[in-house]
PDB file of N, CA and C in Angstrom:
ATOM      1  N   MET A   1       0.840  -1.161   0.000  1.00  0.00           N
ATOM      2  CA  MET A   1       0.000   0.000   0.000  1.00  0.00           C
ATOM      3  C   MET A   1       0.892   1.234   0.000  1.00  0.00           C
ATOM      4  N   PRO A   2       1.125   1.812  -1.156  1.00  0.00           N
ATOM      5  CA  PRO A   2       1.938   3.040  -1.233  1.00  0.00           C
ATOM      6  C   PRO A   2       1.225   4.236  -0.616  1.00  0.00           C
ATOM      7  N   GLN A   3       1.932   4.946   0.235  1.00  0.00           N
ATOM      8  CA  GLN A   3       1.413   6.180   0.823  1.00  0.00           C
ATOM      9  C   GLN A   3       1.736   7.325  -0.119  1.00  0.00           C
ATOM     10  N   VAL A   4       0.717   8.114  -0.459  1.00  0.00           N
ATOM     11  CA  VAL A   4       0.927   9.265  -1.338  1.00  0.00           C
ATOM     12  C   VAL A   4       1.454  10.436  -0.512  1.00  0.00           C
ATOM     13  N   PHE A   5       0.766  10.763   0.570  1.00  0.00           N
ATOM     14  CA  PHE A   5       1.219  11.804   1.486  1.00  0.00           C
ATOM     15  C   PHE A   5       0.428  11.727   2.778  1.00  0.00           C
ATOM     16  N   ARG A   6       0.845  12.528   3.747  1.00  0.00           N
ATOM     17  CA  ARG A   6       0.183  12.591   5.049  1.00  0.00           C
ATOM     18  C   ARG A   6      -0.272  14.028   5.279  1.00  0.00           C
ATOM     19  N   ILE A   7      -1.467  14.170   5.828  1.00  0.00           N
ATOM     20  CA  ILE A   7      -2.015  15.483   6.169  1.00  0.00           C
ATOM     21  C   ILE A   7      -2.386  15.420   7.638  1.00  0.00           C
ATOM     22  N   GLY A   8      -1.573  16.027   8.475  1.00  0.00           N
ATOM     23  CA  GLY A   8      -1.810  15.926   9.917  1.00  0.00           C
ATOM     24  C   GLY A   8      -1.801  14.468  10.336  1.00  0.00           C
ATOM     25  N   SER A   9      -2.885  14.013  10.937  1.00  0.00           N
ATOM     26  CA  SER A   9      -2.965  12.616  11.382  1.00  0.00           C
ATOM     27  C   SER A   9      -3.574  11.689  10.326  1.00  0.00           C
ATOM     28  N   TYR A  10      -3.884  12.226   9.145  1.00  0.00           N
ATOM     29  CA  TYR A  10      -4.502  11.428   8.074  1.00  0.00           C
ATOM     30  C   TYR A  10      -3.466  10.989   7.047  1.00  0.00           C
ATOM     31  N   VAL A  11      -3.608   9.756   6.597  1.00  0.00           N
ATOM     32  CA  VAL A  11      -2.717   9.225   5.571  1.00  0.00           C
ATOM     33  C   VAL A  11      -3.534   9.022   4.294  1.00  0.00           C
ATOM     34  N   VAL A  12      -2.958   9.431   3.163  1.00  0.00           N
ATOM     35  CA  VAL A  12      -3.587   9.277   1.854  1.00  0.00           C
ATOM     36  C   VAL A  12      -2.775   8.223   1.107  1.00  0.00           C
ATOM     37  N   TYR A  13      -3.449   7.174   0.628  1.00  0.00           N
ATOM     38  CA  TYR A  13      -2.737   6.043   0.032  1.00  0.00           C
ATOM     39  C   TYR A  13      -3.599   5.370  -1.030  1.00  0.00           C
ATOM     40  N   PHE A  14      -3.010   4.405  -1.732  1.00  0.00           N
ATOM     41  CA  PHE A  14      -3.767   3.631  -2.711  1.00  0.00           C
ATOM     42  C   PHE A  14      -3.326   2.176  -2.647  1.00  0.00           C
ATOM     43  N   TRP A  15      -4.180   1.308  -3.155  1.00  0.00           N
ATOM     44  CA  TRP A  15      -3.860  -0.112  -3.286  1.00  0.00           C
ATOM     45  C   TRP A  15      -3.639  -0.388  -4.759  1.00  0.00           C
ATOM     46  N   ALA A  16      -2.722  -1.234  -5.105  1.00  0.00           N
ATOM     47  CA  ALA A  16      -2.472  -1.592  -6.501  1.00  0.00           C
ATOM     48  C   ALA A  16      -3.451  -2.685  -6.937  1.00  0.00           C
ATOM     49  N   ASN A  17      -3.891  -2.616  -8.205  1.00  0.00           N
ATOM     50  CA  ASN A  17      -4.774  -3.634  -8.797  1.00  0.00           C
ATOM     51  C   ASN A  17      -6.008  -3.908  -7.955  1.00  0.00           C
ATOM     52  N   GLU A  18      -6.710  -2.863  -7.601  1.00  0.00           N
ATOM     53  CA  GLU A  18      -7.871  -3.007  -6.733  1.00  0.00           C
ATOM     54  C   GLU A  18      -9.145  -3.197  -7.539  1.00  0.00           C
ATOM     55  N   GLY A  19      -9.877  -4.232  -7.234  1.00  0.00           N
ATOM     56  CA  GLY A  19     -11.179  -4.467  -7.832  1.00  0.00           C
ATOM     57  C   GLY A  19     -11.126  -5.257  -9.129  1.00  0.00           C
ATOM     58  N   VAL A  20     -12.195  -5.999  -9.394  1.00  0.00           N
ATOM     59  CA  VAL A  20     -12.359  -6.719 -10.655  1.00  0.00           C
ATOM     60  C   VAL A  20     -13.770  -6.442 -11.123  1.00  0.00           C
ATOM     61  N   PRO A  21     -13.974  -5.688 -12.198  1.00  0.00           N
ATOM     62  CA  PRO A  21     -12.916  -5.050 -12.990  1.00  0.00           C
ATOM     63  C   PRO A  21     -12.244  -3.935 -12.198  1.00  0.00           C
ATOM     64  N   LEU A  22     -11.088  -3.485 -12.698  1.00  0.00           N
ATOM     65  CA  LEU A  22     -10.348  -2.431 -12.005  1.00  0.00           C
ATOM     66  C   LEU A  22     -11.208  -1.184 -11.845  1.00  0.00           C
ATOM     67  N   GLU A  23     -11.085  -0.555 -10.690  1.00  0.00           N
ATOM     68  CA  GLU A  23     -11.842   0.659 -10.408  1.00  0.00           C
ATOM     69  C   GLU A  23     -11.153   1.867 -11.037  1.00  0.00           C
ATOM     70  N   PRO A  24     -11.907   2.968 -11.211  1.00  0.00           N
ATOM     71  CA  PRO A  24     -11.275   4.206 -11.677  1.00  0.00           C
ATOM     72  C   PRO A  24     -10.218   4.682 -10.670  1.00  0.00           C
ATOM     73  N   VAL A  25      -9.382   5.604 -11.092  1.00  0.00           N
ATOM     74  CA  VAL A  25      -8.313   6.133 -10.236  1.00  0.00           C
ATOM     75  C   VAL A  25      -8.923   6.761  -8.982  1.00  0.00           C
ATOM     76  N   HIS A  26      -8.379   6.371  -7.829  1.00  0.00           N
ATOM     77  CA  HIS A  26      -8.855   6.909  -6.560  1.00  0.00           C
ATOM     78  C   HIS A  26      -7.788   6.712  -5.486  1.00  0.00           C
ATOM     79  N   VAL A  27      -7.980   7.412  -4.374  1.00  0.00           N
ATOM     80  CA  VAL A  27      -7.131   7.242  -3.200  1.00  0.00           C
ATOM     81  C   VAL A  27      -8.018   6.937  -2.004  1.00  0.00           C
ATOM     82  N   HIS A  28      -7.399   6.401  -0.974  1.00  0.00           N
ATOM     83  CA  HIS A  28      -8.075   6.142   0.290  1.00  0.00           C
ATOM     84  C   HIS A  28      -7.488   7.087   1.330  1.00  0.00           C
ATOM     85  N   VAL A  29      -8.309   7.480   2.293  1.00  0.00           N
ATOM     86  CA  VAL A  29      -7.857   8.360   3.370  1.00  0.00           C
ATOM     87  C   VAL A  29      -8.342   7.774   4.683  1.00  0.00           C
ATOM     88  N   SER A  30      -7.420   7.636   5.633  1.00  0.00           N
ATOM     89  CA  SER A  30      -7.811   7.180   6.965  1.00  0.00           C
ATOM     90  C   SER A  30      -6.907   7.848   7.995  1.00  0.00           C
ATOM     91  N   GLN A  31      -7.356   7.812   9.215  1.00  0.00           N
ATOM     92  CA  GLN A  31      -6.578   8.444  10.274  1.00  0.00           C
ATOM     93  C   GLN A  31      -5.585   7.439  10.847  1.00  0.00           C
ATOM     94  N   GLY A  32      -4.327   7.855  10.917  1.00  0.00           N
ATOM     95  CA  GLY A  32      -3.292   7.036  11.531  1.00  0.00           C
ATOM     96  C   GLY A  32      -2.694   5.996  10.616  1.00  0.00           C
ATOM     97  N   ILE A  33      -3.440   4.931  10.349  1.00  0.00           N
ATOM     98  CA  ILE A  33      -2.935   3.829   9.531  1.00  0.00           C
ATOM     99  C   ILE A  33      -3.981   3.434   8.492  1.00  0.00           C
ATOM    100  N   PRO A  34      -3.569   2.774   7.415  1.00  0.00           N
ATOM    101  CA  PRO A  34      -4.536   2.300   6.424  1.00  0.00           C
ATOM    102  C   PRO A  34      -5.584   1.394   7.075  1.00  0.00           C
ATOM    103  N   SER A  35      -6.793   1.462   6.537  1.00  0.00           N
ATOM    104  CA  SER A  35      -7.906   0.735   7.124  1.00  0.00           C
ATOM    105  C   SER A  35      -8.841   0.243   6.027  1.00  0.00           C
ATOM    106  N   GLU A  36      -9.496  -0.889   6.255  1.00  0.00           N
ATOM    107  CA  GLU A  36     -10.484  -1.393   5.291  1.00  0.00           C
ATOM    108  C   GLU A  36     -11.692  -0.473   5.213  1.00  0.00           C
ATOM    109  N   SER A  37     -11.936   0.299   6.256  1.00  0.00           N
ATOM    110  CA  SER A  37     -13.082   1.212   6.268  1.00  0.00           C
ATOM    111  C   SER A  37     -12.666   2.645   5.932  1.00  0.00           C
ATOM    112  N   ALA A  38     -11.635   2.788   5.105  1.00  0.00           N
ATOM    113  CA  ALA A  38     -11.135   4.121   4.751  1.00  0.00           C
ATOM    114  C   ALA A  38     -12.099   4.851   3.815  1.00  0.00           C
ATOM    115  N   THR A  39     -12.033   6.149   3.874  1.00  0.00           N
ATOM    116  CA  THR A  39     -12.773   7.004   2.953  1.00  0.00           C
ATOM    117  C   THR A  39     -12.171   6.846   1.564  1.00  0.00           C
ATOM    118  N   LYS A  40     -13.020   6.843   0.527  1.00  0.00           N
ATOM    119  CA  LYS A  40     -12.539   6.689  -0.852  1.00  0.00           C
ATOM    120  C   LYS A  40     -12.851   7.957  -1.631  1.00  0.00           C
ATOM    121  N   ILE A  41     -11.823   8.479  -2.322  1.00  0.00           N
ATOM    122  CA  ILE A  41     -11.969   9.699  -3.115  1.00  0.00           C
ATOM    123  C   ILE A  41     -11.528   9.408  -4.546  1.00  0.00           C
ATOM    124  N   TRP A  42     -12.459   9.581  -5.496  1.00  0.00           N
ATOM    125  CA  TRP A  42     -12.137   9.401  -6.912  1.00  0.00           C
ATOM    126  C   TRP A  42     -11.330  10.603  -7.387  1.00  0.00           C
ATOM    127  N   ILE A  43     -10.404  10.384  -8.308  1.00  0.00           N
ATOM    128  CA  ILE A  43      -9.628  11.457  -8.938  1.00  0.00           C
ATOM    129  C   ILE A  43     -10.123  11.559 -10.375  1.00  0.00           C
ATOM    130  N   THR A  44     -10.672  12.725 -10.747  1.00  0.00           N
ATOM    131  CA  THR A  44     -11.236  12.892 -12.087  1.00  0.00           C
ATOM    132  C   THR A  44     -10.134  13.147 -13.113  1.00  0.00           C
ATOM    133  N   ARG A  45     -10.489  13.072 -14.372  1.00  0.00           N
ATOM    134  CA  ARG A  45      -9.526  13.332 -15.458  1.00  0.00           C
ATOM    135  C   ARG A  45      -8.970  14.746 -15.404  1.00  0.00           C
ATOM    136  N   LYS A  46      -9.726  15.664 -14.801  1.00  0.00           N
ATOM    137  CA  LYS A  46      -9.266  17.053 -14.685  1.00  0.00           C
ATOM    138  C   LYS A  46      -8.492  17.287 -13.390  1.00  0.00           C
ATOM    139  N   GLY A  47      -8.223  16.206 -12.635  1.00  0.00           N
ATOM    140  CA  GLY A  47      -7.446  16.326 -11.411  1.00  0.00           C
ATOM    141  C   GLY A  47      -8.242  16.778 -10.202  1.00  0.00           C
ATOM    142  N   LYS A  48      -9.544  16.753 -10.293  1.00  0.00           N
ATOM    143  CA  LYS A  48     -10.401  17.149  -9.173  1.00  0.00           C
ATOM    144  C   LYS A  48     -10.723  15.926  -8.317  1.00  0.00           C
ATOM    145  N   CYS A  49     -11.204  16.169  -7.115  1.00  0.00           N
ATOM    146  CA  CYS A  49     -11.580  15.099  -6.196  1.00  0.00           C
ATOM    147  C   CYS A  49     -13.094  14.966  -6.133  1.00  0.00           C
ATOM    148  N   LEU A  50     -13.557  13.722  -6.085  1.00  0.00           N
ATOM    149  CA  LEU A  50     -14.981  13.439  -5.984  1.00  0.00           C
ATOM    150  C   LEU A  50     -15.148  12.367  -4.911  1.00  0.00           C
ATOM    151  N   LEU A  51     -15.884  12.677  -3.862  1.00  0.00           N
ATOM    152  CA  LEU A  51     -16.052  11.749  -2.758  1.00  0.00           C
ATOM    153  C   LEU A  51     -16.898  10.556  -3.188  1.00  0.00           C
ATOM    154  N   CYS A  52     -16.356   9.360  -3.053  1.00  0.00           N
ATOM    155  CA  CYS A  52     -17.090   8.130  -3.335  1.00  0.00           C
ATOM    156  C   CYS A  52     -17.863   7.722  -2.080  1.00  0.00           C
ATOM    157  N   HIS A  53     -17.184   7.666  -0.943  1.00  0.00           N
ATOM    158  CA  HIS A  53     -17.830   7.413   0.343  1.00  0.00           C
ATOM    159  C   HIS A  53     -16.905   7.860   1.478  1.00  0.00           C
ATOM    160  N   ASN A  54     -17.491   8.080   2.629  1.00  0.00           N
ATOM    161  CA  ASN A  54     -16.744   8.521   3.804  1.00  0.00           C
ATOM    162  C   ASN A  54     -16.911   7.501   4.924  1.00  0.00           C
ATOM    163  N   LYS A  55     -16.521   6.256   4.659  1.00  0.00           N
ATOM    164  CA  LYS A  55     -16.682   5.182   5.643  1.00  0.00           C
ATOM    165  C   LYS A  55     -15.864   5.401   6.910  1.00  0.00           C
ATOM    166  N   SER A  56     -14.766   6.133   6.810  1.00  0.00           N
ATOM    167  CA  SER A  56     -13.955   6.372   8.010  1.00  0.00           C
ATOM    168  C   SER A  56     -14.445   7.579   8.807  1.00  0.00           C
ATOM    169  N   LYS A  57     -15.535   8.171   8.351  1.00  0.00           N
ATOM    170  CA  LYS A  57     -16.208   9.259   9.087  1.00  0.00           C
ATOM    171  C   LYS A  57     -15.294  10.434   9.405  1.00  0.00           C
ATOM    172  N   ILE A  58     -14.552  10.872   8.407  1.00  0.00           N
ATOM    173  CA  ILE A  58     -13.720  12.066   8.555  1.00  0.00           C
ATOM    174  C   ILE A  58     -14.663  13.257   8.691  1.00  0.00           C
ATOM    175  N   PRO A  59     -14.433  14.136   9.655  1.00  0.00           N
ATOM    176  CA  PRO A  59     -15.306  15.301   9.806  1.00  0.00           C
ATOM    177  C   PRO A  59     -15.380  16.102   8.500  1.00  0.00           C
ATOM    178  N   PRO A  60     -16.584  16.604   8.155  1.00  0.00           N
ATOM    179  CA  PRO A  60     -16.766  17.307   6.874  1.00  0.00           C
ATOM    180  C   PRO A  60     -15.756  18.417   6.601  1.00  0.00           C
ATOM    181  N   ASN A  61     -15.426  19.220   7.598  1.00  0.00           N
ATOM    182  CA  ASN A  61     -14.492  20.327   7.391  1.00  0.00           C
ATOM    183  C   ASN A  61     -13.089  19.801   7.063  1.00  0.00           C
ATOM    184  N   THR A  62     -12.659  18.755   7.740  1.00  0.00           N
ATOM    185  CA  THR A  62     -11.354  18.145   7.477  1.00  0.00           C
ATOM    186  C   THR A  62     -11.331  17.521   6.090  1.00  0.00           C
ATOM    187  N   LEU A  63     -12.399  16.822   5.743  1.00  0.00           N
ATOM    188  CA  LEU A  63     -12.491  16.193   4.429  1.00  0.00           C
ATOM    189  C   LEU A  63     -12.443  17.242   3.319  1.00  0.00           C
ATOM    190  N   LYS A  64     -13.111  18.355   3.530  1.00  0.00           N
ATOM    191  CA  LYS A  64     -13.081  19.457   2.555  1.00  0.00           C
ATOM    192  C   LYS A  64     -11.652  19.967   2.378  1.00  0.00           C
ATOM    193  N   ASN A  65     -10.922  20.143   3.483  1.00  0.00           N
ATOM    194  CA  ASN A  65      -9.534  20.605   3.404  1.00  0.00           C
ATOM    195  C   ASN A  65      -8.652  19.616   2.646  1.00  0.00           C
ATOM    196  N   ILE A  66      -8.846  18.332   2.886  1.00  0.00           N
ATOM    197  CA  ILE A  66      -8.057  17.309   2.206  1.00  0.00           C
ATOM    198  C   ILE A  66      -8.334  17.312   0.710  1.00  0.00           C
ATOM    199  N   THR A  67      -9.600  17.370   0.318  1.00  0.00           N
ATOM    200  CA  THR A  67      -9.951  17.287  -1.101  1.00  0.00           C
ATOM    201  C   THR A  67      -9.648  18.565  -1.877  1.00  0.00           C
ATOM    202  N   GLU A  68      -9.453  19.667  -1.182  1.00  0.00           N
ATOM    203  CA  GLU A  68      -9.185  20.930  -1.875  1.00  0.00           C
ATOM    204  C   GLU A  68      -7.706  21.291  -1.931  1.00  0.00           C
ATOM    205  N   LEU A  69      -6.827  20.407  -1.471  1.00  0.00           N
ATOM    206  CA  LEU A  69      -5.395  20.701  -1.553  1.00  0.00           C
ATOM    207  C   LEU A  69      -4.976  20.865  -3.006  1.00  0.00           C
ATOM    208  N   SER A  70      -4.158  21.860  -3.263  1.00  0.00           N
ATOM    209  CA  SER A  70      -3.670  22.047  -4.623  1.00  0.00           C
ATOM    210  C   SER A  70      -2.448  21.157  -4.833  1.00  0.00           C
ATOM    211  N   PRO A  71      -2.125  20.814  -6.085  1.00  0.00           N
ATOM    212  CA  PRO A  71      -0.923  20.018  -6.338  1.00  0.00           C
ATOM    213  C   PRO A  71       0.344  20.667  -5.780  1.00  0.00           C
ATOM    214  N   ASP A  72       0.388  21.995  -5.738  1.00  0.00           N
ATOM    215  CA  ASP A  72       1.563  22.678  -5.207  1.00  0.00           C
ATOM    216  C   ASP A  72       1.762  22.350  -3.733  1.00  0.00           C
ATOM    217  N   VAL A  73       0.688  22.330  -2.968  1.00  0.00           N
ATOM    218  CA  VAL A  73       0.777  22.028  -1.554  1.00  0.00           C
ATOM    219  C   VAL A  73       1.244  20.598  -1.364  1.00  0.00           C
ATOM    220  N   VAL A  74       0.679  19.691  -2.121  1.00  0.00           N
ATOM    221  CA  VAL A  74       1.038  18.277  -2.009  1.00  0.00           C
ATOM    222  C   VAL A  74       2.504  18.064  -2.376  1.00  0.00           C
ATOM    223  N   LEU A  75       2.957  18.653  -3.467  1.00  0.00           N
ATOM    224  CA  LEU A  75       4.332  18.475  -3.908  1.00  0.00           C
ATOM    225  C   LEU A  75       5.327  19.010  -2.884  1.00  0.00           C
ATOM    226  N   HIS A  76       5.012  20.124  -2.235  1.00  0.00           N
ATOM    227  CA  HIS A  76       5.914  20.683  -1.250  1.00  0.00           C
ATOM    228  C   HIS A  76       6.009  19.809  -0.003  1.00  0.00           C
ATOM    229  N   GLY A  77       5.040  18.903   0.184  1.00  0.00           N
ATOM    230  CA  GLY A  77       5.052  18.028   1.336  1.00  0.00           C
ATOM    231  C   GLY A  77       6.038  16.888   1.214  1.00  0.00           C
ATOM    232  N   PHE A  78       6.598  16.636   0.021  1.00  0.00           N
ATOM    233  CA  PHE A  78       7.497  15.489  -0.175  1.00  0.00           C
ATOM    234  C   PHE A  78       8.898  15.805   0.296  1.00  0.00           C
TER     235      PHE A  78
END
């Protein structure tokens, strides 16, 4: 499970070869460590985020902050 980046106590990651048939591009977000009940966010062709589900119950304001990060902010985190 490759970690893309961390935002405070939340980790953003993906699983390789997930689903049959393969699912569209997306990331998972959970607090602390990866979890089967992680929130799933689709990544659109235009690079925008679309919430698939919030199974990990991330507070709405925090989830909004995570999904609105610009690529510049993410890149500077590496």
